[in-house]
C-alpha atoms as a PDB file:
ATOM      1  CA  MET A   1       6.049 -21.546   3.007  1.00  0.00           C
ATOM      2  CA  ASP A   2       4.507 -24.512   1.358  1.00  0.00           C
ATOM      3  CA  ALA A   3       3.456 -27.605   3.360  1.00  0.00           C
ATOM      4  CA  PRO A   4       4.793 -31.034   2.199  1.00  0.00           C
ATOM      5  CA  GLY A   5       3.541 -31.816  -1.215  1.00  0.00           C
ATOM      6  CA  GLY A   6       3.414 -28.205  -2.287  1.00  0.00           C
ATOM      7  CA  ARG A   7       0.154 -27.303  -0.662  1.00  0.00           C
ATOM      8  CA  ARG A   8      -0.356 -24.302   1.719  1.00  0.00           C
ATOM      9  CA  THR A   9      -1.903 -24.834   5.051  1.00  0.00           C
ATOM     10  CA  GLN A  10      -5.107 -22.883   6.030  1.00  0.00           C
ATOM     11  CA  GLY A  11      -3.007 -20.666   8.256  1.00  0.00           C
ATOM     12  CA  GLU A  12      -0.800 -19.708   5.457  1.00  0.00           C
ATOM     13  CA  ARG A  13      -3.741 -18.991   3.032  1.00  0.00           C
ATOM     14  CA  ASP A  14      -5.343 -16.862   5.708  1.00  0.00           C
ATOM     15  CA  ALA A  15      -1.944 -15.021   6.337  1.00  0.00           C
ATOM     16  CA  ILE A  16      -1.683 -14.256   2.527  1.00  0.00           C
ATOM     17  CA  THR A  17      -5.299 -13.028   2.436  1.00  0.00           C
ATOM     18  CA  VAL A  18      -4.917 -10.737   5.453  1.00  0.00           C
ATOM     19  CA  GLU A  19      -1.674  -9.360   3.911  1.00  0.00           C
ATOM     20  CA  ILE A  20      -3.182  -8.712   0.576  1.00  0.00           C
ATOM     21  CA  GLY A  21      -6.039  -6.895   2.210  1.00  0.00           C
ATOM     22  CA  TYR A  22      -3.582  -4.829   4.271  1.00  0.00           C
ATOM     23  CA  ALA A  23      -1.438  -3.990   1.202  1.00  0.00           C
ATOM     24  CA  LEU A  24      -4.681  -2.842  -0.702  1.00  0.00           C
ATOM     25  CA  CYS A  25      -6.082  -0.872   2.167  1.00  0.00           C
ATOM     26  CA  SER A  26      -2.851   0.893   3.144  1.00  0.00           C
ATOM     27  CA  ALA A  27      -2.073   1.577  -0.532  1.00  0.00           C
ATOM     28  CA  ALA A  28      -5.650   3.094  -1.129  1.00  0.00           C
ATOM     29  CA  PHE A  29      -5.216   5.374   1.939  1.00  0.00           C
ATOM     30  CA  ALA A  30      -1.655   6.540   1.020  1.00  0.00           C
ATOM     31  CA  ALA A  31      -2.906   7.080  -2.593  1.00  0.00           C
ATOM     32  CA  ALA A  32      -6.004   9.057  -1.468  1.00  0.00           C
ATOM     33  CA  VAL A  33      -4.007  11.243   0.969  1.00  0.00           C
ATOM     34  CA  LEU A  34      -1.360  12.109  -1.921  1.00  0.00           C
ATOM     35  CA  PHE A  35      -4.180  12.811  -4.329  1.00  0.00           C
ATOM     36  CA  GLY A  36      -5.927  15.176  -1.792  1.00  0.00           C
ATOM     37  CA  ALA A  37      -2.601  16.945  -1.004  1.00  0.00           C
ATOM     38  CA  VAL A  38      -1.874  17.454  -4.724  1.00  0.00           C
ATOM     39  CA  ALA A  39      -5.231  18.015  -6.358  1.00  0.00           C
ATOM     40  CA  GLY A  40      -7.011  19.269  -3.219  1.00  0.00           C
ATOM     41  CA  PRO A  41      -5.959  23.004  -3.763  1.00  0.00           C
ATOM     42  CA  ALA A  42      -7.612  22.977  -7.212  1.00  0.00           C
ATOM     43  CA  TYR A  43     -10.877  22.180  -5.627  1.00  0.00           C
ATOM     44  CA  LEU A  44     -10.422  24.190  -2.490  1.00  0.00           C
ATOM     45  CA  PHE A  45      -9.418  27.392  -4.094  1.00  0.00           C
ATOM     46  CA  GLY A  46     -11.778  27.016  -7.089  1.00  0.00           C
ATOM     47  CA  LEU A  47      -9.067  26.932  -9.708  1.00  0.00           C
ATOM     48  CA  THR A  48      -9.980  26.483 -13.249  1.00  0.00           C
ATOM     49  CA  GLY A  49      -8.402  25.726 -16.662  1.00  0.00           C
ATOM     50  CA  ARG A  50      -5.090  24.426 -17.131  1.00  0.00           C
ATOM     51  CA  VAL A  51      -3.914  24.763 -13.491  1.00  0.00           C
ATOM     52  CA  ARG A  52      -6.737  22.701 -12.246  1.00  0.00           C
ATOM     53  CA  SER A  53      -6.185  19.994 -15.011  1.00  0.00           C
ATOM     54  CA  ALA A  54      -2.473  19.936 -14.150  1.00  0.00           C
ATOM     55  CA  LEU A  55      -3.105  19.544 -10.430  1.00  0.00           C
ATOM     56  CA  VAL A  56      -5.612  16.846 -10.873  1.00  0.00           C
ATOM     57  CA  GLY A  57      -3.566  15.013 -13.586  1.00  0.00           C
ATOM     58  CA  ALA A  58      -0.449  15.109 -11.503  1.00  0.00           C
ATOM     59  CA  GLY A  59      -2.403  13.827  -8.425  1.00  0.00           C
ATOM     60  CA  THR A  60      -3.911  11.054 -10.399  1.00  0.00           C
ATOM     61  CA  VAL A  61      -0.562   9.917 -11.724  1.00  0.00           C
ATOM     62  CA  LEU A  62       1.129  10.270  -8.459  1.00  0.00           C
ATOM     63  CA  ALA A  63      -1.615   8.370  -6.545  1.00  0.00           C
ATOM     64  CA  VAL A  64      -1.446   5.487  -9.067  1.00  0.00           C
ATOM     65  CA  VAL A  65       2.322   5.175  -8.603  1.00  0.00           C
ATOM     66  CA  VAL A  66       2.175   5.350  -4.944  1.00  0.00           C
ATOM     67  CA  PHE A  67      -0.651   2.764  -4.785  1.00  0.00           C
ATOM     68  CA  SER A  68       1.325   0.450  -6.954  1.00  0.00           C
ATOM     69  CA  VAL A  69       4.575   0.847  -5.161  1.00  0.00           C
ATOM     70  CA  ARG A  70       2.915   0.323  -1.847  1.00  0.00           C
ATOM     71  CA  VAL A  71       1.151  -2.893  -2.787  1.00  0.00           C
ATOM     72  CA  VAL A  72       4.349  -4.401  -4.353  1.00  0.00           C
ATOM     73  CA  SER A  73       6.619  -3.322  -1.385  1.00  0.00           C
ATOM     74  CA  VAL A  74       4.052  -4.813   1.147  1.00  0.00           C
ATOM     75  CA  LEU A  75       3.624  -8.056  -0.628  1.00  0.00           C
ATOM     76  CA  VAL A  76       7.445  -8.429  -1.444  1.00  0.00           C
ATOM     77  CA  ARG A  77       8.301  -7.872   2.285  1.00  0.00           C
ATOM     78  CA  PHE A  78       5.642 -10.521   3.176  1.00  0.00           C
ATOM     79  CA  ALA A  79       7.022 -12.927   0.717  1.00  0.00           C
ATOM     80  CA  ARG A  80      10.538 -12.529   2.078  1.00  0.00           C
ATOM     81  CA  GLY A  81       9.440 -13.123   5.637  1.00  0.00           C
ATOM     82  CA  GLY A  82      10.170  -9.646   6.745  1.00  0.00           C
ATOM     83  CA  GLN A  83       7.515  -9.917   9.596  1.00  0.00           C
ATOM     84  CA  PRO A  84       8.968  -9.797  13.074  1.00  0.00           C
ATOM     85  CA  SER A  85       8.721 -13.088  15.033  1.00  0.00           C
ATOM     86  CA  HIS A  86       7.860 -11.235  18.184  1.00  0.00           C
ATOM     87  CA  PRO A  87       5.548  -8.277  17.347  1.00  0.00           C
ATOM     88  CA  GLY A  88       6.538  -4.999  19.256  1.00  0.00           C
ATOM     89  CA  ARG A  89      10.014  -6.333  20.004  1.00  0.00           C
ATOM     90  CA  THR A  90      12.853  -4.593  18.128  1.00  0.00           C
ATOM     91  CA  SER A  91      15.897  -6.682  19.056  1.00  0.00           C
ATOM     92  CA  PRO A  92      16.289 -10.523  18.783  1.00  0.00           C
ATOM     93  CA  ASP A  93      17.402 -10.766  22.452  1.00  0.00           C
ATOM     94  CA  SER A  94      14.242  -9.153  23.720  1.00  0.00           C
END
């Protein structure tokens, strides 16, 4: 991935920047959807007390975990070169 001399090219730096942005945006979306699915009923049905606290707490914890796992998985896949060489094609002989 490094150019001769250990420096990255502008294209490689741009690809890393785009991949980090994609990882953060997709992770934020997944975390928000999960939080809404778990904690949403507490707000939708006007729940109070321990039930609301439990749902919001569980939603927060799960959202943080999903966010972290998504960011790491996207960036690890990128670092390993898991991107297809021909986007949209599924087999090497396409």
